[in-house]
Structure formats: C-alpha cells, structure tokens
C-alpha cells in the first residue's frame, strides 16, 4: 500500500514537471523565439535591436492592428522624443 501510494505521487510530480517544462519552452506572447521566461534575447538573435517602428509595422503586417491604429501609433512614435519620459 505504501509503495503504491509513493509510486502514484512520484508519477504525479514527474508529469507536473514535464507539463511546466513544456510551457516554459513555448514562444512568449510577443512571439519571441526564446525558450525561457525573463531572459533577454542574445545579440544577433531574431528580433534583437528592432526599432519600435519596425515592430509596429510587423504587427500591422500580421493583421494584429488595423490601418487606423497603425497610423495613430506611428504618428505618436514619430512625435515623441526618444528616451525615458518625465512624470
């Protein structure tokens, strides 16, 4: 009885670990190709060093935003100075 119970919980823990590992290796919500959470992409990786305008154009090309929203956001990007903003 004890061995069966121990085996059951061991299998449950292994299955949970495999599921968590599978989700950790999926691309993120922004489409990043990096398997770990919170790790910045290494230099030279796809998506590294893209400008905000390039990212916006890619979102428009994928159909995530419509033309009106693209134009509004592009105007906002071009009108605001680069760098941190003051509160």
Protein backbone atom coordinates (compact mmCIF):
# COMPACT_ATOMS: atom_id res chain seq x y z
CA UNK A 1 0.00 0.00 0.00
CA UNK A 2 2.78 2.44 0.91
CA UNK A 3 4.75 1.57 -2.24
CA UNK A 4 1.68 2.13 -4.43
CA UNK A 5 0.99 5.49 -2.82
CA UNK A 6 4.63 6.55 -3.21
CA UNK A 7 4.65 5.45 -6.86
CA UNK A 8 1.43 7.37 -7.56
CA UNK A 9 2.78 10.64 -6.13
CA UNK A 10 6.11 10.20 -7.89
CA UNK A 11 4.33 9.82 -11.23
CA UNK A 12 2.13 12.85 -10.50
CA UNK A 13 5.15 15.05 -9.69
CA UNK A 14 7.02 13.92 -12.81
CA UNK A 15 4.00 14.63 -15.03
CA UNK A 16 3.55 18.10 -13.48
CA UNK A 17 7.25 18.87 -14.01
CA UNK A 18 7.06 17.79 -17.66
CA UNK A 19 3.98 19.96 -18.26
CA UNK A 20 5.64 23.01 -16.68
CA UNK A 21 8.78 22.40 -18.73
CA UNK A 22 6.75 22.18 -21.95
CA UNK A 23 5.02 25.52 -21.22
CA UNK A 24 8.33 27.17 -20.33
CA UNK A 25 9.75 26.28 -23.76
CA UNK A 26 6.87 27.77 -25.77
CA UNK A 27 7.32 31.12 -27.50
CA UNK A 28 6.07 34.05 -25.50
CA UNK A 29 3.01 36.15 -26.19
CA UNK A 30 5.05 38.58 -28.25
CA UNK A 31 6.29 35.84 -30.49
CA UNK A 32 9.77 35.63 -29.03
CA UNK A 33 11.67 32.52 -30.01
CA UNK A 34 13.39 32.20 -26.64
CA UNK A 35 12.59 29.16 -24.50
CA UNK A 36 12.97 30.73 -21.05
CA UNK A 37 10.93 33.40 -19.32
CA UNK A 38 12.55 36.72 -18.47
CA UNK A 39 15.74 36.06 -20.42
CA UNK A 40 16.59 38.80 -22.92
CA UNK A 41 17.49 37.66 -26.44
CA UNK A 42 21.22 37.35 -27.12
CA UNK A 43 22.81 39.80 -29.57
CA UNK A 44 22.26 38.68 -33.14
CA UNK A 45 19.08 36.77 -32.31
CA UNK A 46 15.93 37.40 -34.37
CA UNK A 47 14.13 40.43 -33.00
CA UNK A 48 17.17 41.89 -31.25
CA UNK A 49 17.65 45.59 -31.88
CA UNK A 50 14.40 46.19 -33.77
CA UNK A 51 13.04 49.69 -33.64
CA UNK A 52 9.57 50.49 -32.36
CA UNK A 53 8.50 51.41 -35.91
CA UNK A 54 9.67 48.03 -37.23
CA UNK A 55 7.74 46.19 -34.52
CA UNK A 56 4.64 48.28 -35.25
CA UNK A 57 4.95 47.57 -38.99
CA UNK A 58 5.27 43.83 -38.29
CA UNK A 59 2.13 43.88 -36.11
CA UNK A 60 0.25 45.68 -38.90
CA UNK A 61 1.52 43.17 -41.48
CA UNK A 62 0.36 40.25 -39.31
CA UNK A 63 -3.09 41.83 -39.00
CA UNK A 64 -2.89 42.38 -35.24
CA UNK A 65 -3.84 46.05 -35.66
CA UNK A 66 -5.84 47.86 -38.34
CA UNK A 67 -4.66 50.72 -40.55
CA UNK A 68 -6.17 53.45 -38.37
CA UNK A 69 -4.48 52.18 -35.24
CA UNK A 70 -1.21 51.73 -37.16
CA UNK A 71 -1.32 55.36 -38.36
CA UNK A 72 -2.16 56.69 -34.87
CA UNK A 73 0.61 54.76 -33.19
CA UNK A 74 3.12 55.64 -35.91
CA UNK A 75 2.28 59.34 -35.51
CA UNK A 76 2.71 59.00 -31.74
CA UNK A 77 6.07 57.29 -32.15
CA UNK A 78 7.33 59.94 -34.54
CA UNK A 79 6.12 62.87 -32.41
CA UNK A 80 7.51 61.78 -29.05
CA UNK A 81 11.21 62.21 -28.29
CA UNK A 82 13.24 59.03 -27.72
CA UNK A 83 14.28 58.10 -24.22
CA UNK A 84 12.56 57.99 -20.84
CA UNK A 85 9.62 60.27 -20.19
CA UNK A 86 9.19 62.53 -17.21
CA UNK A 87 6.30 62.01 -14.80
